Amino acid sequence: MGKKCREYMGEINDYLDGELDPTICDEIENHIGQCENCRIMVDTLKQTVVLCREGKREALPAALEEKLTGLLRERWNKKFGK
């Protein structure tokens, strides 16, 4: 991924949310039209956003939820203290 790719990827969330200046959006769209790697990344992110917005929430089994919550709490406390 070249320097230009990195610059655009730093703005990709705002691009996908429609929060960028139209001129910058045009630049990004021109770039992803020419750069297969960036196009794949943007398409994947778009699909992820759609799945997250439209996806159905699934309950975790209680044991798994407890384990994940415990791990998150442990890592939080390790990083930020109690």
N, C-alpha and C. Protein backbone atom coordinates (compact mmCIF):
# COMPACT_ATOMS: atom_id res chain seq x y z
N MET A 1 0.85 -1.17 0.00
CA MET A 1 0.00 0.00 0.00
C MET A 1 0.90 1.23 0.00
N GLY A 2 0.71 2.10 -0.98
CA GLY A 2 1.54 3.28 -1.10
C GLY A 2 1.14 4.40 -0.15
N LYS A 3 1.92 5.47 -0.18
CA LYS A 3 1.67 6.61 0.70
C LYS A 3 0.27 7.18 0.46
N LYS A 4 -0.12 7.31 -0.78
CA LYS A 4 -1.43 7.86 -1.10
C LYS A 4 -2.52 6.99 -0.49
N CYS A 5 -2.36 5.68 -0.54
CA CYS A 5 -3.34 4.76 0.04
C CYS A 5 -3.49 5.02 1.53
N ARG A 6 -2.40 5.15 2.22
CA ARG A 6 -2.43 5.39 3.67
C ARG A 6 -3.15 6.70 3.99
N GLU A 7 -2.90 7.71 3.19
CA GLU A 7 -3.55 9.00 3.41
C GLU A 7 -5.07 8.86 3.27
N TYR A 8 -5.50 8.17 2.25
CA TYR A 8 -6.94 8.00 2.04
C TYR A 8 -7.56 7.10 3.10
N MET A 9 -6.86 6.07 3.50
CA MET A 9 -7.42 5.15 4.49
C MET A 9 -7.60 5.84 5.84
N GLY A 10 -6.83 6.88 6.10
CA GLY A 10 -7.01 7.64 7.33
C GLY A 10 -8.33 8.40 7.35
N GLU A 11 -8.92 8.59 6.18
CA GLU A 11 -10.17 9.33 6.07
C GLU A 11 -11.35 8.44 5.71
N ILE A 12 -11.12 7.14 5.65
CA ILE A 12 -12.13 6.24 5.09
C ILE A 12 -13.41 6.18 5.93
N ASN A 13 -13.30 6.25 7.25
CA ASN A 13 -14.51 6.21 8.08
C ASN A 13 -15.40 7.41 7.79
N ASP A 14 -14.79 8.59 7.71
CA ASP A 14 -15.57 9.79 7.40
C ASP A 14 -16.15 9.71 5.99
N TYR A 15 -15.40 9.12 5.07
CA TYR A 15 -15.90 8.93 3.70
C TYR A 15 -17.14 8.05 3.71
N LEU A 16 -17.06 6.91 4.39
CA LEU A 16 -18.19 5.98 4.42
C LEU A 16 -19.40 6.58 5.14
N ASP A 17 -19.15 7.45 6.11
CA ASP A 17 -20.24 8.10 6.84
C ASP A 17 -20.79 9.32 6.11
N GLY A 18 -20.18 9.68 4.97
CA GLY A 18 -20.65 10.82 4.19
C GLY A 18 -20.33 12.15 4.84
N GLU A 19 -19.24 12.20 5.60
CA GLU A 19 -18.90 13.40 6.36
C GLU A 19 -17.70 14.16 5.79
N LEU A 20 -17.29 13.81 4.59
CA LEU A 20 -16.15 14.50 3.98
C LEU A 20 -16.62 15.50 2.94
N ASP A 21 -15.77 16.45 2.69
CA ASP A 21 -15.99 17.42 1.62
C ASP A 21 -16.12 16.64 0.29
N PRO A 22 -17.07 17.02 -0.56
CA PRO A 22 -17.26 16.31 -1.83
C PRO A 22 -16.01 16.21 -2.68
N THR A 23 -15.14 17.20 -2.61
CA THR A 23 -13.90 17.17 -3.39
C THR A 23 -13.01 16.02 -2.93
N ILE A 24 -12.91 15.82 -1.62
CA ILE A 24 -12.10 14.73 -1.08
C ILE A 24 -12.74 13.39 -1.42
N CYS A 25 -14.08 13.33 -1.36
CA CYS A 25 -14.79 12.10 -1.75
C CYS A 25 -14.47 11.74 -3.19
N ASP A 26 -14.47 12.75 -4.07
CA ASP A 26 -14.14 12.50 -5.47
C ASP A 26 -12.73 11.95 -5.62
N GLU A 27 -11.78 12.50 -4.84
CA GLU A 27 -10.40 12.01 -4.89
C GLU A 27 -10.32 10.55 -4.45
N ILE A 28 -11.02 10.24 -3.35
CA ILE A 28 -11.02 8.87 -2.84
C ILE A 28 -11.64 7.93 -3.86
N GLU A 29 -12.78 8.32 -4.44
CA GLU A 29 -13.44 7.47 -5.42
C GLU A 29 -12.58 7.26 -6.65
N ASN A 30 -11.88 8.30 -7.08
CA ASN A 30 -10.95 8.17 -8.20
C ASN A 30 -9.84 7.19 -7.85
N HIS A 31 -9.32 7.31 -6.62
CA HIS A 31 -8.23 6.42 -6.19
C HIS A 31 -8.70 4.97 -6.13
N ILE A 32 -9.85 4.73 -5.48
CA ILE A 32 -10.30 3.34 -5.35
C ILE A 32 -10.73 2.76 -6.70
N GLY A 33 -11.01 3.64 -7.66
CA GLY A 33 -11.30 3.17 -9.02
C GLY A 33 -10.06 2.64 -9.71
N GLN A 34 -8.89 3.07 -9.23
CA GLN A 34 -7.63 2.67 -9.84
C GLN A 34 -6.81 1.70 -8.98
N CYS A 35 -7.13 1.62 -7.70
CA CYS A 35 -6.33 0.82 -6.77
C CYS A 35 -7.17 -0.35 -6.25
N GLU A 36 -6.85 -1.52 -6.71
CA GLU A 36 -7.64 -2.71 -6.34
C GLU A 36 -7.59 -2.99 -4.83
N ASN A 37 -6.43 -2.83 -4.21
CA ASN A 37 -6.33 -3.09 -2.77
C ASN A 37 -7.25 -2.17 -1.97
N CYS A 38 -7.24 -0.90 -2.30
CA CYS A 38 -8.10 0.05 -1.58
C CYS A 38 -9.57 -0.22 -1.88
N ARG A 39 -9.88 -0.57 -3.12
CA ARG A 39 -11.26 -0.88 -3.49
C ARG A 39 -11.78 -2.07 -2.69
N ILE A 40 -10.96 -3.09 -2.55
CA ILE A 40 -11.34 -4.26 -1.76
C ILE A 40 -11.56 -3.86 -0.30
N MET A 41 -10.66 -3.04 0.24
CA MET A 41 -10.79 -2.61 1.63
C MET A 41 -12.08 -1.80 1.83
N VAL A 42 -12.35 -0.87 0.93
CA VAL A 42 -13.55 -0.03 1.06
C VAL A 42 -14.81 -0.89 0.91
N ASP A 43 -14.83 -1.78 -0.05
CA ASP A 43 -15.99 -2.66 -0.22
C ASP A 43 -16.23 -3.52 1.01
N THR A 44 -15.17 -4.04 1.58
CA THR A 44 -15.29 -4.87 2.78
C THR A 44 -15.83 -4.05 3.95
N LEU A 45 -15.31 -2.84 4.12
CA LEU A 45 -15.79 -1.97 5.19
C LEU A 45 -17.26 -1.60 4.99
N LYS A 46 -17.65 -1.33 3.75
CA LYS A 46 -19.06 -1.01 3.46
C LYS A 46 -19.95 -2.19 3.85
N GLN A 47 -19.54 -3.39 3.48
CA GLN A 47 -20.32 -4.58 3.82
C GLN A 47 -20.39 -4.78 5.33
N THR A 48 -19.30 -4.51 6.03
CA THR A 48 -19.28 -4.64 7.48
C THR A 48 -20.25 -3.66 8.13
N VAL A 49 -20.27 -2.43 7.64
CA VAL A 49 -21.19 -1.42 8.17
C VAL A 49 -22.63 -1.85 7.96
N VAL A 50 -22.95 -2.35 6.78
CA VAL A 50 -24.31 -2.80 6.49
C VAL A 50 -24.69 -3.95 7.42
N LEU A 51 -23.81 -4.90 7.58
CA LEU A 51 -24.10 -6.04 8.46
C LEU A 51 -24.31 -5.60 9.90
N CYS A 52 -23.50 -4.66 10.35
CA CYS A 52 -23.64 -4.17 11.73
C CYS A 52 -24.94 -3.41 11.92
N ARG A 53 -25.33 -2.62 10.94
CA ARG A 53 -26.56 -1.83 11.05
C ARG A 53 -27.81 -2.68 10.92
N GLU A 54 -27.77 -3.64 10.03
CA GLU A 54 -28.97 -4.42 9.73
C GLU A 54 -28.99 -5.78 10.40
N GLY A 55 -27.88 -6.15 10.98
CA GLY A 55 -27.77 -7.48 11.57
C GLY A 55 -28.66 -7.67 12.77
N LYS A 56 -29.05 -8.89 12.96
CA LYS A 56 -29.87 -9.26 14.09
C LYS A 56 -28.95 -9.58 15.27
N ARG A 57 -29.29 -9.06 16.43
CA ARG A 57 -28.50 -9.35 17.62
C ARG A 57 -28.76 -10.78 18.06
N GLU A 58 -27.71 -11.44 18.40
CA GLU A 58 -27.79 -12.80 18.90
C GLU A 58 -27.27 -12.83 20.32
N ALA A 59 -28.02 -13.48 21.18
CA ALA A 59 -27.58 -13.61 22.57
C ALA A 59 -26.45 -14.64 22.65
N LEU A 60 -25.45 -14.33 23.45
CA LEU A 60 -24.36 -15.27 23.68
C LEU A 60 -24.77 -16.25 24.77
N PRO A 61 -24.26 -17.44 24.71
CA PRO A 61 -24.48 -18.34 25.85
C PRO A 61 -23.93 -17.69 27.11
N ALA A 62 -24.61 -17.86 28.23
CA ALA A 62 -24.26 -17.19 29.48
C ALA A 62 -22.80 -17.39 29.86
N ALA A 63 -22.30 -18.62 29.74
CA ALA A 63 -20.91 -18.91 30.12
C ALA A 63 -19.92 -18.12 29.27
N LEU A 64 -20.20 -18.03 27.98
CA LEU A 64 -19.31 -17.29 27.08
C LEU A 64 -19.37 -15.79 27.39
N GLU A 65 -20.56 -15.28 27.64
CA GLU A 65 -20.70 -13.87 27.97
C GLU A 65 -19.94 -13.52 29.25
N GLU A 66 -20.04 -14.38 30.25
CA GLU A 66 -19.31 -14.17 31.51
C GLU A 66 -17.81 -14.18 31.28
N LYS A 67 -17.35 -15.13 30.47
CA LYS A 67 -15.92 -15.24 30.19
C LYS A 67 -15.42 -14.00 29.46
N LEU A 68 -16.14 -13.55 28.43
CA LEU A 68 -15.73 -12.36 27.68
C LEU A 68 -15.75 -11.11 28.55
N THR A 69 -16.80 -10.98 29.35
CA THR A 69 -16.90 -9.83 30.25
C THR A 69 -15.73 -9.82 31.23
N GLY A 70 -15.40 -10.97 31.76
CA GLY A 70 -14.28 -11.08 32.69
C GLY A 70 -12.96 -10.71 32.03
N LEU A 71 -12.74 -11.19 30.81
CA LEU A 71 -11.51 -10.86 30.09
C LEU A 71 -11.41 -9.38 29.79
N LEU A 72 -12.53 -8.79 29.36
CA LEU A 72 -12.53 -7.36 29.07
C LEU A 72 -12.26 -6.54 30.33
N ARG A 73 -12.89 -6.93 31.42
CA ARG A 73 -12.69 -6.23 32.70
C ARG A 73 -11.23 -6.35 33.12
N GLU A 74 -10.68 -7.54 33.00
CA GLU A 74 -9.28 -7.77 33.39
C GLU A 74 -8.33 -6.90 32.56
N ARG A 75 -8.55 -6.86 31.26
CA ARG A 75 -7.68 -6.06 30.39
C ARG A 75 -7.86 -4.57 30.65
N TRP A 76 -9.09 -4.15 30.90
CA TRP A 76 -9.35 -2.75 31.22
C TRP A 76 -8.59 -2.35 32.49
N ASN A 77 -8.73 -3.19 33.52
CA ASN A 77 -8.09 -2.90 34.79
C ASN A 77 -6.57 -2.91 34.66
N LYS A 78 -6.05 -3.80 33.84
CA LYS A 78 -4.61 -3.89 33.63
C LYS A 78 -4.10 -2.62 32.93
N LYS A 79 -4.89 -2.13 31.98
CA LYS A 79 -4.46 -0.97 31.21
C LYS A 79 -4.74 0.34 31.94
N PHE A 80 -5.91 0.45 32.60
CA PHE A 80 -6.33 1.72 33.17
C PHE A 80 -6.42 1.73 34.69
N GLY A 81 -6.22 0.58 35.31
CA GLY A 81 -6.36 0.50 36.76
C GLY A 81 -7.81 0.37 37.15
N LYS A 82 -8.02 0.09 38.42
CA LYS A 82 -9.40 -0.14 38.88
C LYS A 82 -10.12 1.15 39.12
